[in-house]
Amino acid sequence: MTELTSLRHIPHANLFRKGDVFVLFGELFGRGYANGLIDEARKAGMTIVGITVGRRDENNALRALNEEELAEAEAKLGGRIINVPLMAGFDLDAPAGEQNPTEMLAGLTLKGWQEEKLDWAAVERCREVGVRRFTSSAAQAMAEIDKLIPDGSNVFFAHTMAGGIPKIKAFLAIANRIYKGRGERFMSSRELLDSDLGKLILMNFDEVTANTLQHLITASAAIRDRIVAKGGQVRYTAYGYHGSEILIDGKYQWQTYTNYTQGYAKMRLESVAQAAWAQGISATVFNCPEIRTNSSDIFAGVELSLFPLLSALKREGGAAWAEQQWAACQELLNDGVSVQSLIDQIEAYNNDPVSASFRNFDAWPMDNTLPLAEVMIGTSDDMTKLHKDRKALITDHLSALVLESAGPLMFYGASEKIAPVLWLNHDIIARQLNLLHP
């Protein structure tokens, strides 16, 4: 377990300048945490380079982007894409003539999924094929990127890969019961993790979320050695999640969304950065606060910790701009409902004995329970109903603010070389926002 190391100061160290190179090790699909880093790189005048995960053809074979897809991806990034498919994970990989893990589980049903058993030797062969494919492609992509990095420059590698849920029809129904289920529809996350399906998902999470950072560090060794030999510097960042500190009872306290099934892979990601750091490689995992994104929407209640950010904005020296955020949020609520009343409800939720019992850092990630589902998903539903429009929520507005703040904190925090794992909590997010909007 990593010690909770929080970023408590606004970093200002600025290593990067015009002519330096920013490499996005992941592909942009929607607006998320990566955009904040790219914005900072662009402001610094850096050359922006990215990779693609590739696409699947009608037979599920991995391919490079076609001309139209490449143009679209490069427009989104605002830079050059190295068109070598770097799809992480092994759920669709297999030795010739054998089934891949997704095919092994194709017959899974809601009735019998917990009894379904996998041939783990066959799964391991698939994993080996997937890792060989990925590391070979990573080496190929880095050889192309190497040509774009001039001597005397500095390089920023931003790892953004995460996920790894196999595309198995029955899984969506299972996930809905685990992450959104209440009453008779509730299902314990432990039931998933104890099944072969759950064990496979955890293995794939490790490959996609964590091991790809190690593959990036390994594949870019020649670039790193060349840059350092010429007096330049190299930084690596990755996005973690390991709970966050928010205002509860008037002080910043660690809390988390439960059950965060990817938590095991995120801890593995932290250990990759720590091992690199011990070898003198500047790799930092930034554990970012909870936000609402397309991929997090399955986790009902993950957004609840965003509301106290409004209080943090005032606590951390916010003035007119902070008041404007309160006013903007007020506009989203039904008549007669105040922002303060929502914050009071969240305070009551965080002090509920059930939810408070999950603020156990050493036991993270804990399994969900029926009492937690009732209070967390129930509060989430209640909060949503207080808005004028279910598609325009306070948590959307606050998520955008967190993204805006995290970009400079990570960009300059990486420059400063502080630690291999850093938490960005609501105090520093709010202080950075207030600094950006004096």
Protein backbone atom coordinates (compact mmCIF):
# COMPACT_ATOMS: atom_id res chain seq x y z
CA MET A 1 0.00 0.00 0.00
CA THR A 2 1.37 3.41 -1.02
CA GLU A 3 1.63 6.07 1.67
CA LEU A 4 -0.82 8.92 1.08
CA THR A 5 1.42 11.71 -0.29
CA SER A 6 -0.62 14.80 -1.11
CA LEU A 7 0.46 17.74 -3.25
CA ARG A 8 0.13 20.70 -0.86
CA HIS A 9 1.80 23.49 -2.86
CA ILE A 10 1.19 24.96 -6.32
CA PRO A 11 4.15 23.81 -8.47
CA HIS A 12 5.70 26.49 -10.69
CA ALA A 13 8.81 24.72 -12.04
CA ASN A 14 8.75 25.08 -15.82
CA LEU A 15 11.10 22.66 -17.55
CA PHE A 16 9.39 22.60 -20.94
CA ARG A 17 9.64 25.15 -23.76
CA LYS A 18 9.26 25.58 -27.53
CA GLY A 19 11.00 22.74 -29.38
CA ASP A 20 10.47 20.20 -26.59
CA VAL A 21 8.27 17.20 -27.32
CA PHE A 22 5.05 16.04 -25.61
CA VAL A 23 4.09 12.39 -26.28
CA LEU A 24 0.56 11.24 -25.47
CA PHE A 25 0.73 7.48 -24.83
CA GLY A 26 -2.95 6.82 -25.34
CA GLU A 27 -5.63 8.07 -27.71
CA LEU A 28 -8.12 10.92 -27.21
CA PHE A 29 -11.76 9.92 -27.60
CA GLY A 30 -13.68 12.40 -25.44
CA ARG A 31 -12.75 15.30 -23.20
CA GLY A 32 -11.00 13.98 -20.09
CA TYR A 33 -7.99 14.48 -17.85
CA ALA A 34 -5.52 14.19 -20.78
CA ASN A 35 -6.87 17.36 -22.41
CA GLY A 36 -5.64 19.50 -19.51
CA LEU A 37 -2.08 18.25 -19.98
CA ILE A 38 -2.21 18.77 -23.75
CA ASP A 39 -3.44 22.34 -23.20
CA GLU A 40 -0.42 23.07 -20.98
CA ALA A 41 1.99 21.46 -23.49
CA ARG A 42 0.52 23.60 -26.27
CA LYS A 43 0.84 26.77 -24.15
CA ALA A 44 4.52 25.92 -23.59
CA GLY A 45 5.03 25.67 -27.36
CA MET A 46 5.85 21.94 -27.30
CA THR A 47 5.60 19.68 -30.36
CA ILE A 48 2.68 17.31 -29.74
CA VAL A 49 2.89 13.66 -30.80
CA GLY A 50 0.41 10.87 -30.07
CA ILE A 51 -0.25 7.21 -30.67
CA THR A 52 -3.37 5.27 -31.64
CA VAL A 53 -4.90 2.15 -30.15
CA GLY A 54 -5.85 1.17 -33.71
CA ARG A 55 -9.24 -0.20 -34.77
CA ARG A 56 -10.75 -3.67 -35.19
CA ASP A 57 -11.86 -4.94 -38.59
CA GLU A 58 -14.95 -7.09 -39.16
CA ASN A 59 -12.99 -10.17 -38.03
CA ASN A 60 -11.76 -8.41 -34.85
CA ALA A 61 -8.21 -8.21 -36.26
CA LEU A 62 -6.33 -5.13 -35.12
CA ARG A 63 -5.44 -2.64 -37.85
CA ALA A 64 -3.91 0.81 -38.26
CA LEU A 65 -6.12 3.87 -38.86
CA ASN A 66 -7.29 4.59 -42.39
CA GLU A 67 -6.69 8.05 -43.91
CA GLU A 68 -9.97 9.49 -42.69
CA GLU A 69 -9.57 8.09 -39.14
CA LEU A 70 -5.97 9.32 -38.98
CA ALA A 71 -6.95 12.84 -40.06
CA GLU A 72 -9.72 12.91 -37.43
CA ALA A 73 -7.40 11.61 -34.67
CA GLU A 74 -4.71 14.15 -35.55
CA ALA A 75 -7.26 16.99 -35.58
CA LYS A 76 -8.47 15.94 -32.09
CA LEU A 77 -4.92 15.78 -30.76
CA GLY A 78 -3.62 18.84 -32.58
CA GLY A 79 -0.46 16.95 -33.46
CA ARG A 80 1.07 14.03 -35.33
CA ILE A 81 -0.19 10.49 -34.66
CA ILE A 82 2.17 7.54 -35.04
CA ASN A 83 -0.08 5.08 -36.87
CA VAL A 84 1.04 1.84 -35.20
CA PRO A 85 -1.89 0.09 -33.41
CA LEU A 86 -1.24 0.03 -29.65
CA MET A 87 -4.36 -1.62 -28.28
CA ALA A 88 -3.56 -2.78 -24.74
CA GLY A 89 -4.95 -5.90 -23.06
CA PHE A 90 -5.25 -9.47 -24.26
CA ASP A 91 -9.00 -10.15 -24.28
CA LEU A 92 -8.99 -10.50 -28.10
CA ASP A 93 -5.54 -12.13 -28.44
CA ALA A 94 -4.80 -15.85 -28.83
CA PRO A 95 -2.20 -18.17 -30.36
CA ALA A 96 -3.13 -19.30 -33.88
CA GLY A 97 -5.98 -21.80 -33.86
CA GLU A 98 -6.98 -21.14 -30.21
CA GLN A 99 -9.85 -19.19 -28.68
CA ASN A 100 -9.21 -15.75 -27.21
CA PRO A 101 -10.58 -15.00 -23.69
CA THR A 102 -13.63 -13.16 -25.08
CA GLU A 103 -14.53 -16.24 -27.16
CA MET A 104 -13.94 -18.50 -24.14
CA LEU A 105 -16.63 -16.56 -22.28
CA ALA A 106 -18.99 -15.92 -25.22
CA GLY A 107 -21.56 -18.38 -23.85
CA LEU A 108 -21.74 -16.70 -20.45
CA THR A 109 -25.29 -16.23 -19.15
CA LEU A 110 -26.74 -14.27 -16.24
CA LYS A 111 -27.79 -17.54 -14.65
CA GLY A 112 -24.54 -19.48 -14.78
CA TRP A 113 -21.71 -16.92 -15.01
CA GLN A 114 -20.38 -17.56 -11.48
CA GLU A 115 -19.91 -21.27 -12.20
CA GLU A 116 -18.17 -20.70 -15.56
CA LYS A 117 -14.55 -21.91 -15.37
CA LEU A 118 -11.59 -20.84 -17.51
CA ASP A 119 -8.58 -22.83 -18.66
CA TRP A 120 -5.93 -20.63 -17.01
CA ALA A 121 -3.04 -22.13 -18.99
CA ALA A 122 -4.88 -21.14 -22.20
CA VAL A 123 -5.59 -17.67 -20.77
CA GLU A 124 -1.89 -17.25 -19.97
CA ARG A 125 -0.95 -18.17 -23.55
CA CYS A 126 -3.35 -15.46 -24.75
CA ARG A 127 -1.82 -12.96 -22.33
CA GLU A 128 1.66 -13.74 -23.61
CA VAL A 129 0.52 -13.20 -27.23
CA GLY A 130 -1.07 -9.86 -26.25
CA VAL A 131 2.01 -8.66 -24.37
CA ARG A 132 4.31 -9.67 -27.27
CA ARG A 133 2.09 -7.82 -29.73
CA PHE A 134 1.94 -4.70 -27.57
CA THR A 135 5.64 -4.52 -26.68
CA SER A 136 6.66 -5.13 -30.30
CA SER A 137 4.32 -2.34 -31.49
CA ALA A 138 5.51 -0.03 -28.69
CA ALA A 139 9.12 -0.53 -29.83
CA GLN A 140 8.09 0.23 -33.42
CA ALA A 141 6.17 3.38 -32.37
CA MET A 142 9.07 4.63 -30.21
CA ALA A 143 11.51 4.19 -33.12
CA GLU A 144 9.26 6.54 -35.14
CA ILE A 145 8.88 9.00 -32.25
CA ASP A 146 12.67 9.00 -31.75
CA LYS A 147 13.05 10.58 -35.21
CA LEU A 148 10.80 13.48 -34.17
CA ILE A 149 12.78 14.41 -31.03
CA PRO A 150 15.77 16.68 -31.65
CA ASP A 151 18.94 16.51 -29.56
CA GLY A 152 18.97 19.06 -26.76
CA SER A 153 15.21 18.90 -26.18
CA ASN A 154 13.22 17.70 -23.17
CA VAL A 155 10.47 15.07 -23.46
CA PHE A 156 7.19 14.63 -21.58
CA PHE A 157 5.54 11.18 -21.88
CA ALA A 158 1.90 11.21 -20.69
CA HIS A 159 0.48 7.72 -20.12
CA THR A 160 -3.33 7.68 -20.35
CA MET A 161 -4.20 4.00 -20.86
CA ALA A 162 -6.85 2.52 -18.57
CA GLY A 163 -9.74 0.06 -18.65
CA GLY A 164 -9.77 -3.47 -20.01
CA ILE A 165 -13.31 -4.81 -19.62
CA PRO A 166 -13.78 -7.62 -22.19
CA LYS A 167 -16.74 -7.17 -24.56
CA ILE A 168 -18.89 -9.95 -23.12
CA LYS A 169 -22.66 -9.46 -23.54
CA ALA A 170 -23.63 -10.68 -20.09
CA PHE A 171 -21.11 -8.43 -18.35
CA LEU A 172 -23.08 -5.20 -18.85
CA ALA A 173 -26.05 -6.67 -16.97
CA ILE A 174 -23.73 -7.93 -14.20
CA ALA A 175 -22.00 -4.53 -13.98
CA ASN A 176 -25.34 -2.73 -13.76
CA ARG A 177 -26.29 -4.84 -10.76
CA ILE A 178 -22.92 -4.31 -9.02
CA TYR A 179 -22.54 -0.58 -9.66
CA LYS A 180 -26.17 0.55 -9.88
CA GLY A 181 -28.21 -2.18 -8.18
CA ARG A 182 -30.30 -1.61 -5.05
CA GLY A 183 -32.64 -3.88 -3.14
CA GLU A 184 -33.21 -7.18 -4.95
CA ARG A 185 -31.12 -5.98 -7.92
CA PHE A 186 -28.01 -5.49 -5.75
CA MET A 187 -25.00 -7.71 -6.36
CA SER A 188 -21.80 -7.78 -4.32
CA SER A 189 -18.58 -6.88 -6.10
CA ARG A 190 -17.00 -9.79 -4.22
CA GLU A 191 -19.15 -12.23 -6.21
CA LEU A 192 -17.55 -10.87 -9.39
CA LEU A 193 -13.98 -10.88 -8.04
CA ASP A 194 -14.28 -14.48 -6.77
CA SER A 195 -15.47 -15.72 -10.18
CA ASP A 196 -13.24 -16.68 -13.10
CA LEU A 197 -14.78 -13.83 -15.10
CA GLY A 198 -13.72 -11.38 -12.36
CA LYS A 199 -10.20 -12.82 -12.17
CA LEU A 200 -9.83 -12.45 -15.95
CA ILE A 201 -11.04 -8.83 -15.78
CA LEU A 202 -8.49 -8.04 -13.03
CA MET A 203 -5.71 -9.59 -15.15
CA ASN A 204 -6.73 -7.50 -18.15
CA PHE A 205 -7.01 -4.35 -16.00
CA ASP A 206 -3.41 -4.94 -14.89
CA GLU A 207 -2.25 -5.25 -18.50
CA VAL A 208 -4.09 -2.16 -19.75
CA THR A 209 -3.90 0.21 -16.79
CA ALA A 210 -0.57 -0.64 -15.15
CA ASN A 211 1.76 -2.80 -17.22
CA THR A 212 1.52 -0.44 -20.20
CA LEU A 213 3.35 2.21 -18.16
CA GLN A 214 6.22 -0.25 -17.69
CA HIS A 215 6.15 -1.09 -21.41
CA LEU A 216 6.30 2.66 -22.21
CA ILE A 217 9.29 3.19 -19.88
CA THR A 218 11.07 0.16 -21.40
CA ALA A 219 10.28 1.02 -25.03
CA SER A 220 11.46 4.63 -24.61
CA ALA A 221 14.79 3.72 -22.93
CA ALA A 222 16.86 4.57 -26.04
CA ILE A 223 15.14 7.97 -26.36
CA ARG A 224 15.67 8.63 -22.63
CA ASP A 225 19.35 7.70 -22.78
CA ARG A 226 19.97 9.91 -25.82
CA ILE A 227 18.12 12.92 -24.39
CA VAL A 228 19.83 12.70 -20.99
CA ALA A 229 23.27 12.26 -22.62
CA LYS A 230 22.70 15.54 -24.50
CA GLY A 231 21.71 17.42 -21.32
CA GLY A 232 17.93 17.14 -21.66
CA GLN A 233 15.40 15.73 -19.24
CA VAL A 234 12.54 13.22 -19.54
CA ARG A 235 9.33 13.00 -17.50
CA TYR A 236 6.59 10.35 -17.35
CA THR A 237 3.13 10.88 -15.88
CA ALA A 238 0.15 8.57 -15.44
CA TYR A 239 -3.39 9.00 -14.13
CA GLY A 240 -4.23 7.17 -10.93
CA TYR A 241 -7.20 6.97 -8.61
CA HIS A 242 -6.90 6.01 -4.95
CA GLY A 243 -9.63 8.04 -3.27
CA SER A 244 -9.25 11.76 -2.54
CA GLU A 245 -9.49 14.26 0.30
CA ILE A 246 -12.62 16.43 0.32
CA LEU A 247 -14.18 18.69 2.96
CA ILE A 248 -16.05 16.64 5.57
CA ASP A 249 -16.86 18.24 8.94
CA GLY A 250 -14.93 21.33 7.90
CA LYS A 251 -11.63 19.53 7.30
CA TYR A 252 -10.06 17.68 4.38
CA GLN A 253 -10.57 13.95 4.86
CA TRP A 254 -9.77 11.01 2.61
CA GLN A 255 -12.78 9.21 1.13
CA THR A 256 -13.39 6.97 -1.85
CA TYR A 257 -15.96 5.61 -4.24
CA THR A 258 -16.72 1.94 -3.50
CA ASN A 259 -16.38 -0.56 -5.17
CA TYR A 260 -13.61 0.67 -7.43
CA THR A 261 -12.78 -2.61 -9.15
CA GLN A 262 -9.84 -1.07 -11.03
CA GLY A 263 -8.24 -0.17 -7.70
CA TYR A 264 -5.94 -3.20 -7.74
CA ALA A 265 -4.56 -2.19 -11.16
CA LYS A 266 -4.20 1.43 -10.04
CA MET A 267 -2.07 0.27 -7.07
CA ARG A 268 0.03 -1.78 -9.48
CA LEU A 269 0.42 1.39 -11.58
CA GLU A 270 1.73 3.20 -8.48
CA SER A 271 4.27 0.43 -7.91
CA VAL A 272 5.53 0.73 -11.52
CA ALA A 273 6.21 4.45 -10.96
CA GLN A 274 7.88 3.76 -7.61
CA ALA A 275 10.20 1.14 -9.16
CA ALA A 276 11.11 3.54 -12.00
CA TRP A 277 11.73 6.37 -9.51
CA ALA A 278 14.09 4.10 -7.53
CA GLN A 279 16.11 3.68 -10.77
CA GLY A 280 16.37 7.46 -11.26
CA ILE A 281 13.55 7.69 -13.83
CA SER A 282 11.13 10.59 -13.17
CA ALA A 283 7.74 8.86 -13.36
CA THR A 284 4.80 10.18 -11.33
CA VAL A 285 1.31 8.75 -10.94
CA PHE A 286 -1.08 11.59 -10.10
CA ASN A 287 -4.05 10.26 -8.15
CA CYS A 288 -6.84 12.55 -9.36
CA PRO A 289 -10.22 13.27 -7.73
CA GLU A 290 -13.49 11.71 -8.80
CA ILE A 291 -15.14 13.29 -11.86
CA ARG A 292 -18.01 12.44 -14.20
CA THR A 293 -16.93 11.11 -17.59
CA ASN A 294 -18.52 8.84 -20.20
CA SER A 295 -16.57 5.91 -18.75
CA SER A 296 -17.37 6.68 -15.09
CA ASP A 297 -21.13 7.04 -15.57
CA ILE A 298 -21.73 3.36 -14.85
CA PHE A 299 -20.51 4.02 -11.29
CA ALA A 300 -23.61 5.55 -9.68
CA GLY A 301 -22.54 7.76 -6.77
CA VAL A 302 -18.95 8.37 -7.91
CA GLU A 303 -19.95 12.01 -8.51
CA LEU A 304 -21.11 12.71 -4.93
CA SER A 305 -17.65 13.76 -3.74
CA LEU A 306 -17.63 16.62 -6.28
CA PHE A 307 -20.17 18.80 -4.45
CA PRO A 308 -17.85 19.79 -1.54
CA LEU A 309 -15.45 21.31 -4.10
CA LEU A 310 -17.75 24.36 -4.04
CA SER A 311 -16.99 24.79 -0.34
CA ALA A 312 -13.29 24.24 -1.00
CA LEU A 313 -13.27 27.07 -3.57
CA LYS A 314 -14.39 29.49 -0.84
CA ARG A 315 -12.13 27.94 1.81
CA GLU A 316 -9.02 28.31 -0.40
CA GLY A 317 -9.27 32.06 -0.90
CA GLY A 318 -11.93 32.17 -3.58
CA ALA A 319 -13.56 35.54 -4.19
CA ALA A 320 -15.81 36.81 -6.99
CA TRP A 321 -15.00 33.92 -9.35
CA ALA A 322 -15.81 31.31 -6.67
CA GLU A 323 -19.16 33.07 -6.08
CA GLN A 324 -19.79 32.88 -9.85
CA GLN A 325 -19.36 29.07 -9.68
CA TRP A 326 -21.96 28.87 -6.92
CA ALA A 327 -24.29 31.05 -9.02
CA ALA A 328 -23.72 28.92 -12.16
CA CYS A 329 -24.56 25.79 -10.15
CA GLN A 330 -27.64 27.45 -8.63
CA GLU A 331 -28.96 28.06 -12.16
CA LEU A 332 -28.99 24.30 -12.79
CA LEU A 333 -31.29 23.52 -9.84
CA ASN A 334 -35.08 23.41 -9.59
CA ASP A 335 -36.82 26.50 -8.20
CA GLY A 336 -36.73 26.59 -4.42
CA VAL A 337 -33.66 24.33 -4.17
CA SER A 338 -30.40 25.92 -2.99
CA VAL A 339 -26.81 24.83 -3.66
CA GLN A 340 -26.20 24.97 0.09
CA SER A 341 -29.02 22.48 0.70
CA LEU A 342 -27.29 19.99 -1.66
CA ILE A 343 -23.96 20.47 0.11
CA ASP A 344 -25.75 19.91 3.45
CA GLN A 345 -27.23 16.66 2.08
CA ILE A 346 -23.77 15.50 0.98
CA GLU A 347 -22.38 16.36 4.42
CA ALA A 348 -25.12 14.21 5.98
CA TYR A 349 -24.32 11.40 3.50
CA ASN A 350 -20.58 11.53 4.33
CA ASN A 351 -21.38 11.39 8.05
CA ASP A 352 -23.80 8.49 7.69
CA PRO A 353 -22.24 5.61 9.69
CA VAL A 354 -22.52 3.31 6.64
CA SER A 355 -20.65 5.56 4.18
CA ALA A 356 -18.20 6.73 6.88
CA SER A 357 -17.15 3.11 7.50
CA PHE A 358 -15.71 2.97 3.96
CA ARG A 359 -13.21 5.78 4.68
CA ASN A 360 -10.58 3.14 5.43
CA PHE A 361 -7.44 3.92 3.40
CA ASP A 362 -5.56 0.76 4.44
CA ALA A 363 -8.41 -1.54 3.35
CA TRP A 364 -8.82 0.04 -0.11
CA PRO A 365 -10.43 -1.00 -2.43
CA MET A 366 -13.23 -2.40 -0.24
CA ASP A 367 -16.12 -4.50 -1.53
CA ASN A 368 -19.52 -2.87 -1.84
CA THR A 369 -22.42 -3.80 0.44
CA LEU A 370 -26.21 -3.58 0.21
CA PRO A 371 -26.43 -0.88 2.96
CA LEU A 372 -23.83 1.22 1.09
CA ALA A 373 -25.67 0.81 -2.23
CA GLU A 374 -28.91 1.99 -0.60
CA VAL A 375 -27.40 5.16 0.88
CA MET A 376 -24.96 6.00 -1.96
CA ILE A 377 -27.10 5.25 -5.02
CA GLY A 378 -30.16 6.61 -3.19
CA THR A 379 -28.36 9.92 -2.50
CA SER A 380 -27.14 10.04 -6.11
CA ASP A 381 -30.71 9.60 -7.40
CA ASP A 382 -32.02 12.24 -4.97
CA MET A 383 -29.38 14.77 -6.09
CA THR A 384 -30.13 14.25 -9.77
CA LYS A 385 -33.85 14.84 -9.22
CA LEU A 386 -33.13 18.31 -7.78
CA HIS A 387 -31.81 19.52 -11.17
CA LYS A 388 -33.89 21.14 -13.92
CA ASP A 389 -32.32 18.86 -16.54
CA ARG A 390 -30.80 15.41 -15.95
CA LYS A 391 -28.35 16.18 -18.78
CA ALA A 392 -27.07 19.43 -17.18
CA LEU A 393 -25.80 18.58 -13.70
CA ILE A 394 -23.74 20.50 -11.16
CA THR A 395 -21.29 17.59 -11.21
CA ASP A 396 -20.69 18.15 -14.95
CA HIS A 397 -19.74 21.77 -14.24
CA LEU A 398 -17.49 20.77 -11.33
CA SER A 399 -15.87 17.95 -13.34
CA ALA A 400 -14.81 20.50 -15.98
CA LEU A 401 -13.24 22.63 -13.22
CA VAL A 402 -11.29 19.66 -11.85
CA LEU A 403 -9.97 18.90 -15.36
CA GLU A 404 -8.93 22.55 -15.80
CA SER A 405 -7.03 22.52 -12.51
CA ALA A 406 -5.38 19.10 -12.85
CA GLY A 407 -3.63 20.03 -16.14
CA PRO A 408 -1.23 22.66 -14.73
CA LEU A 409 -0.81 20.79 -11.42
CA MET A 410 0.41 17.70 -13.30
CA PHE A 411 2.43 19.58 -15.94
CA TYR A 412 4.40 21.71 -13.50
CA GLY A 413 4.33 19.04 -10.77
CA ALA A 414 6.06 16.61 -13.15
CA SER A 415 8.63 19.30 -14.01
CA GLU A 416 9.38 19.76 -10.32
CA LYS A 417 10.03 16.04 -9.77
CA ILE A 418 8.30 15.73 -6.38
CA ALA A 419 7.46 12.03 -5.80
CA PRO A 420 6.47 8.85 -7.69
CA VAL A 421 2.86 9.01 -6.42
CA LEU A 422 0.97 12.24 -5.63
CA TRP A 423 -2.64 12.85 -4.62
CA LEU A 424 -4.44 15.88 -6.03
CA ASN A 425 -7.07 16.62 -3.41
CA HIS A 426 -9.80 19.27 -3.28
CA ASP A 427 -7.58 21.75 -1.40
CA ILE A 428 -4.94 22.00 -4.15
CA ILE A 429 -7.53 21.72 -6.96
CA ALA A 430 -9.41 24.71 -5.46
CA ARG A 431 -6.24 26.74 -4.86
CA GLN A 432 -5.08 26.19 -8.45
CA LEU A 433 -8.50 27.21 -9.79
CA ASN A 434 -8.52 30.38 -7.70
CA LEU A 435 -5.04 31.19 -8.99
CA LEU A 436 -6.19 30.67 -12.59
CA HIS A 437 -9.19 32.97 -12.01
CA PRO A 438 -7.97 35.83 -9.81
